[in-house]
C-alpha atoms as a PDB file:
ATOM      1  CA  UNK A   1      -9.951  12.607  -4.282  1.00  0.00           C
ATOM      2  CA  UNK A   2      -7.464  11.201  -1.741  1.00  0.00           C
ATOM      3  CA  UNK A   3      -3.962  12.602  -1.881  1.00  0.00           C
ATOM      4  CA  UNK A   4      -1.442  10.448  -3.703  1.00  0.00           C
ATOM      5  CA  UNK A   5       0.889  10.662  -0.713  1.00  0.00           C
ATOM      6  CA  UNK A   6      -0.216  11.429   2.808  1.00  0.00           C
ATOM      7  CA  UNK A   7       3.316  11.544   4.170  1.00  0.00           C
ATOM      8  CA  UNK A   8       4.535  10.140   7.444  1.00  0.00           C
ATOM      9  CA  UNK A   9       1.758  11.538   9.607  1.00  0.00           C
ATOM     10  CA  UNK A  10      -0.955   9.118  10.628  1.00  0.00           C
ATOM     11  CA  UNK A  11      -3.551  11.841  11.050  1.00  0.00           C
ATOM     12  CA  UNK A  12      -5.901  12.853   8.299  1.00  0.00           C
ATOM     13  CA  UNK A  13      -6.734  16.361   7.149  1.00  0.00           C
ATOM     14  CA  UNK A  14     -10.308  17.664   7.378  1.00  0.00           C
ATOM     15  CA  UNK A  15     -10.659  17.315   3.608  1.00  0.00           C
ATOM     16  CA  UNK A  16      -9.478  13.689   3.707  1.00  0.00           C
ATOM     17  CA  UNK A  17     -11.820  12.926   6.605  1.00  0.00           C
ATOM     18  CA  UNK A  18     -14.718  14.573   4.754  1.00  0.00           C
ATOM     19  CA  UNK A  19     -14.006  12.503   1.655  1.00  0.00           C
ATOM     20  CA  UNK A  20     -13.863   9.323   3.704  1.00  0.00           C
ATOM     21  CA  UNK A  21     -17.131  10.262   5.432  1.00  0.00           C
ATOM     22  CA  UNK A  22     -18.817  10.820   2.076  1.00  0.00           C
ATOM     23  CA  UNK A  23     -17.688   7.425   0.778  1.00  0.00           C
ATOM     24  CA  UNK A  24     -18.515   5.695   4.065  1.00  0.00           C
ATOM     25  CA  UNK A  25     -21.988   7.261   4.078  1.00  0.00           C
ATOM     26  CA  UNK A  26     -22.622   5.971   0.562  1.00  0.00           C
ATOM     27  CA  UNK A  27     -22.711   2.468   2.096  1.00  0.00           C
ATOM     28  CA  UNK A  28     -24.673   3.680   5.140  1.00  0.00           C
ATOM     29  CA  UNK A  29     -27.879   4.981   3.530  1.00  0.00           C
ATOM     30  CA  UNK A  30     -29.846   4.762   6.805  1.00  0.00           C
ATOM     31  CA  UNK A  31     -27.171   6.912   8.511  1.00  0.00           C
ATOM     32  CA  UNK A  32     -26.614   4.430  11.331  1.00  0.00           C
ATOM     33  CA  UNK A  33     -22.944   5.346  11.593  1.00  0.00           C
ATOM     34  CA  UNK A  34     -22.047   1.784  10.572  1.00  0.00           C
ATOM     35  CA  UNK A  35     -21.315  -0.114   7.396  1.00  0.00           C
ATOM     36  CA  UNK A  36     -21.517  -3.833   6.896  1.00  0.00           C
ATOM     37  CA  UNK A  37     -18.157  -5.541   7.176  1.00  0.00           C
ATOM     38  CA  UNK A  38     -18.556  -6.904   3.655  1.00  0.00           C
ATOM     39  CA  UNK A  39     -18.875  -3.327   2.289  1.00  0.00           C
ATOM     40  CA  UNK A  40     -15.426  -2.292   3.523  1.00  0.00           C
ATOM     41  CA  UNK A  41     -13.673  -3.358   0.312  1.00  0.00           C
ATOM     42  CA  UNK A  42     -16.053  -1.268  -1.776  1.00  0.00           C
ATOM     43  CA  UNK A  43     -15.592   1.802   0.428  1.00  0.00           C
ATOM     44  CA  UNK A  44     -11.813   1.456   0.188  1.00  0.00           C
ATOM     45  CA  UNK A  45     -11.983   0.989  -3.589  1.00  0.00           C
ATOM     46  CA  UNK A  46     -13.954   4.229  -3.865  1.00  0.00           C
ATOM     47  CA  UNK A  47     -10.994   6.072  -2.295  1.00  0.00           C
ATOM     48  CA  UNK A  48      -8.408   4.235  -4.377  1.00  0.00           C
ATOM     49  CA  UNK A  49      -7.286   1.177  -2.390  1.00  0.00           C
ATOM     50  CA  UNK A  50      -7.603  -2.427  -3.516  1.00  0.00           C
ATOM     51  CA  UNK A  51      -6.628  -5.349  -1.322  1.00  0.00           C
ATOM     52  CA  UNK A  52      -6.085  -9.050  -1.698  1.00  0.00           C
ATOM     53  CA  UNK A  53      -8.576 -11.086   0.327  1.00  0.00           C
ATOM     54  CA  UNK A  54      -6.064 -11.988   3.049  1.00  0.00           C
ATOM     55  CA  UNK A  55      -5.021  -8.358   3.549  1.00  0.00           C
ATOM     56  CA  UNK A  56      -8.636  -7.232   3.509  1.00  0.00           C
ATOM     57  CA  UNK A  57      -9.552  -9.829   6.106  1.00  0.00           C
ATOM     58  CA  UNK A  58      -6.831  -8.519   8.441  1.00  0.00           C
ATOM     59  CA  UNK A  59      -8.024  -4.972   7.934  1.00  0.00           C
ATOM     60  CA  UNK A  60     -11.641  -6.009   8.569  1.00  0.00           C
ATOM     61  CA  UNK A  61     -10.536  -7.705  11.780  1.00  0.00           C
ATOM     62  CA  UNK A  62      -8.748  -4.533  12.832  1.00  0.00           C
ATOM     63  CA  UNK A  63     -11.733  -2.304  12.106  1.00  0.00           C
ATOM     64  CA  UNK A  64     -14.371  -4.780  13.357  1.00  0.00           C
ATOM     65  CA  UNK A  65     -12.426  -5.736  16.466  1.00  0.00           C
ATOM     66  CA  UNK A  66     -15.387  -7.314  18.275  1.00  0.00           C
ATOM     67  CA  UNK A  67     -16.577  -9.149  15.136  1.00  0.00           C
ATOM     68  CA  UNK A  68     -20.025  -7.575  15.183  1.00  0.00           C
ATOM     69  CA  UNK A  69     -20.297  -7.704  11.406  1.00  0.00           C
ATOM     70  CA  UNK A  70     -20.303  -3.927  11.136  1.00  0.00           C
ATOM     71  CA  UNK A  71     -17.732  -1.138  11.237  1.00  0.00           C
ATOM     72  CA  UNK A  72     -18.295   2.267  12.790  1.00  0.00           C
ATOM     73  CA  UNK A  73     -17.019   5.385  11.096  1.00  0.00           C
ATOM     74  CA  UNK A  74     -14.639   5.998  14.023  1.00  0.00           C
ATOM     75  CA  UNK A  75     -13.138   2.521  13.679  1.00  0.00           C
ATOM     76  CA  UNK A  76     -12.940   3.009   9.923  1.00  0.00           C
ATOM     77  CA  UNK A  77     -11.030   6.267  10.443  1.00  0.00           C
ATOM     78  CA  UNK A  78      -8.624   4.559  12.837  1.00  0.00           C
ATOM     79  CA  UNK A  79      -7.857   1.887  10.255  1.00  0.00           C
ATOM     80  CA  UNK A  80      -7.425   4.115   7.213  1.00  0.00           C
ATOM     81  CA  UNK A  81      -4.100   5.731   8.241  1.00  0.00           C
ATOM     82  CA  UNK A  82      -2.776   2.221   8.927  1.00  0.00           C
ATOM     83  CA  UNK A  83      -3.865   1.230   5.430  1.00  0.00           C
ATOM     84  CA  UNK A  84      -2.141   4.212   3.884  1.00  0.00           C
ATOM     85  CA  UNK A  85       1.011   3.872   5.974  1.00  0.00           C
ATOM     86  CA  UNK A  86       1.485   0.180   5.134  1.00  0.00           C
ATOM     87  CA  UNK A  87       2.753   1.107   1.696  1.00  0.00           C
ATOM     88  CA  UNK A  88       4.942   3.882   3.088  1.00  0.00           C
ATOM     89  CA  UNK A  89       6.481   1.464   5.593  1.00  0.00           C
ATOM     90  CA  UNK A  90       7.144  -1.107   2.887  1.00  0.00           C
ATOM     91  CA  UNK A  91       8.763   1.562   0.700  1.00  0.00           C
ATOM     92  CA  UNK A  92      11.070   2.655   3.559  1.00  0.00           C
ATOM     93  CA  UNK A  93      12.033  -0.969   4.268  1.00  0.00           C
ATOM     94  CA  UNK A  94      12.813  -1.587   0.601  1.00  0.00           C
ATOM     95  CA  UNK A  95      15.002   1.517   0.414  1.00  0.00           C
ATOM     96  CA  UNK A  96      16.908   0.487   3.555  1.00  0.00           C
ATOM     97  CA  UNK A  97      17.512  -2.966   2.056  1.00  0.00           C
ATOM     98  CA  UNK A  98      18.689  -1.430  -1.219  1.00  0.00           C
ATOM     99  CA  UNK A  99      21.126   0.813   0.681  1.00  0.00           C
ATOM    100  CA  UNK A 100      22.981  -2.284   1.917  1.00  0.00           C
ATOM    101  CA  UNK A 101      24.078  -2.905  -1.684  1.00  0.00           C
ATOM    102  CA  UNK A 102      24.710   0.781  -2.408  1.00  0.00           C
ATOM    103  CA  UNK A 103      28.018   1.189  -0.588  1.00  0.00           C
ATOM    104  CA  UNK A 104      28.842   4.467  -2.357  1.00  0.00           C
ATOM    105  CA  UNK A 105      25.363   5.906  -1.620  1.00  0.00           C
ATOM    106  CA  UNK A 106      24.644   6.791  -5.246  1.00  0.00           C
ATOM    107  CA  UNK A 107      20.966   5.853  -5.089  1.00  0.00           C
ATOM    108  CA  UNK A 108      21.546   3.067  -7.622  1.00  0.00           C
ATOM    109  CA  UNK A 109      22.057  -0.696  -7.485  1.00  0.00           C
ATOM    110  CA  UNK A 110      22.825  -3.091 -10.312  1.00  0.00           C
ATOM    111  CA  UNK A 111      20.208  -5.393 -11.792  1.00  0.00           C
ATOM    112  CA  UNK A 112      21.772  -8.559 -10.347  1.00  0.00           C
ATOM    113  CA  UNK A 113      21.530  -7.071  -6.844  1.00  0.00           C
ATOM    114  CA  UNK A 114      17.907  -6.198  -7.484  1.00  0.00           C
ATOM    115  CA  UNK A 115      17.160  -9.802  -8.448  1.00  0.00           C
ATOM    116  CA  UNK A 116      18.659 -11.007  -5.140  1.00  0.00           C
ATOM    117  CA  UNK A 117      16.707  -8.429  -3.139  1.00  0.00           C
ATOM    118  CA  UNK A 118      13.411  -9.117  -4.856  1.00  0.00           C
ATOM    119  CA  UNK A 119      13.830 -12.848  -4.436  1.00  0.00           C
ATOM    120  CA  UNK A 120      14.416 -12.445  -0.703  1.00  0.00           C
ATOM    121  CA  UNK A 121      12.379  -9.391   0.292  1.00  0.00           C
ATOM    122  CA  UNK A 122       9.242 -10.146  -1.635  1.00  0.00           C
ATOM    123  CA  UNK A 123       9.174 -13.861  -0.913  1.00  0.00           C
ATOM    124  CA  UNK A 124       5.764 -13.457   0.736  1.00  0.00           C
ATOM    125  CA  UNK A 125       4.329 -12.266  -2.585  1.00  0.00           C
ATOM    126  CA  UNK A 126       5.379 -15.534  -4.244  1.00  0.00           C
ATOM    127  CA  UNK A 127       6.779 -13.913  -7.385  1.00  0.00           C
ATOM    128  CA  UNK A 128       8.045 -16.274 -10.050  1.00  0.00           C
ATOM    129  CA  UNK A 129      11.444 -15.846 -11.708  1.00  0.00           C
ATOM    130  CA  UNK A 130       9.632 -14.579 -14.794  1.00  0.00           C
ATOM    131  CA  UNK A 131       7.752 -11.946 -12.756  1.00  0.00           C
ATOM    132  CA  UNK A 132      10.977 -10.852 -11.062  1.00  0.00           C
ATOM    133  CA  UNK A 133      12.631 -10.659 -14.467  1.00  0.00           C
ATOM    134  CA  UNK A 134       9.815  -8.463 -15.743  1.00  0.00           C
ATOM    135  CA  UNK A 135      10.138  -6.158 -12.726  1.00  0.00           C
ATOM    136  CA  UNK A 136      13.891  -5.857 -13.265  1.00  0.00           C
ATOM    137  CA  UNK A 137      13.463  -5.192 -16.978  1.00  0.00           C
ATOM    138  CA  UNK A 138      10.881  -2.509 -16.229  1.00  0.00           C
ATOM    139  CA  UNK A 139      13.100  -0.969 -13.543  1.00  0.00           C
ATOM    140  CA  UNK A 140      16.070  -0.851 -15.924  1.00  0.00           C
ATOM    141  CA  UNK A 141      14.177   0.686 -18.835  1.00  0.00           C
ATOM    142  CA  UNK A 142      17.303   2.208 -20.391  1.00  0.00           C
ATOM    143  CA  UNK A 143      19.220  -1.093 -20.136  1.00  0.00           C
ATOM    144  CA  UNK A 144      22.291   0.354 -18.423  1.00  0.00           C
ATOM    145  CA  UNK A 145      22.235  -2.259 -15.637  1.00  0.00           C
ATOM    146  CA  UNK A 146      21.642   0.371 -12.943  1.00  0.00           C
ATOM    147  CA  UNK A 147      18.412   0.805 -10.974  1.00  0.00           C
ATOM    148  CA  UNK A 148      17.402   3.997  -9.186  1.00  0.00           C
ATOM    149  CA  UNK A 149      16.097   2.256  -6.108  1.00  0.00           C
ATOM    150  CA  UNK A 150      14.148   5.221  -4.708  1.00  0.00           C
ATOM    151  CA  UNK A 151      12.027   5.372  -7.849  1.00  0.00           C
ATOM    152  CA  UNK A 152      11.809   1.609  -8.086  1.00  0.00           C
ATOM    153  CA  UNK A 153      10.618   1.271  -4.466  1.00  0.00           C
ATOM    154  CA  UNK A 154       7.976   3.919  -5.104  1.00  0.00           C
ATOM    155  CA  UNK A 155       6.693   2.223  -8.272  1.00  0.00           C
ATOM    156  CA  UNK A 156       6.755  -1.245  -6.743  1.00  0.00           C
ATOM    157  CA  UNK A 157       4.817  -0.229  -3.641  1.00  0.00           C
ATOM    158  CA  UNK A 158       2.272   1.656  -5.744  1.00  0.00           C
ATOM    159  CA  UNK A 159       1.765  -1.443  -7.879  1.00  0.00           C
ATOM    160  CA  UNK A 160       1.180  -3.579  -4.771  1.00  0.00           C
ATOM    161  CA  UNK A 161      -0.963  -0.991  -2.941  1.00  0.00           C
ATOM    162  CA  UNK A 162      -2.562   0.889  -5.825  1.00  0.00           C
ATOM    163  CA  UNK A 163      -3.984   4.342  -5.259  1.00  0.00           C
ATOM    164  CA  UNK A 164      -6.153   6.514  -7.402  1.00  0.00           C
END
């Protein structure tokens, strides 16, 4: 099972590499050292990552740089840390944006500030006002009007880039 958090390093441990090899090999029954490009999503799902088609297409292009229709294990390994780090980068960017509103550095922002941030920062996700409202309500579960933005950033990123 992949670790829930791999940290800031972009290198994988032997155990992580072995797990990836096992899942990669599942889609390479002839042991050619390659998987079909269209199997990439399934391999990633087996290790806990699901992607929207546009994101998956970008990742496929990264791993199948010469558009051969297949991905080598080495290219797969080069792309996996990028995949994992995307969520970590997004989380760090969210926290930095939240800090702009947290002048006293308490780790909290108010719900109205969160609405502004979500409307602007996540514009690419095309969230509706209702969806933003649901996120805010979920983030402020106790109804005190204050959001712990470290926890919120973690939960939001994990909902966008789900892991096992």
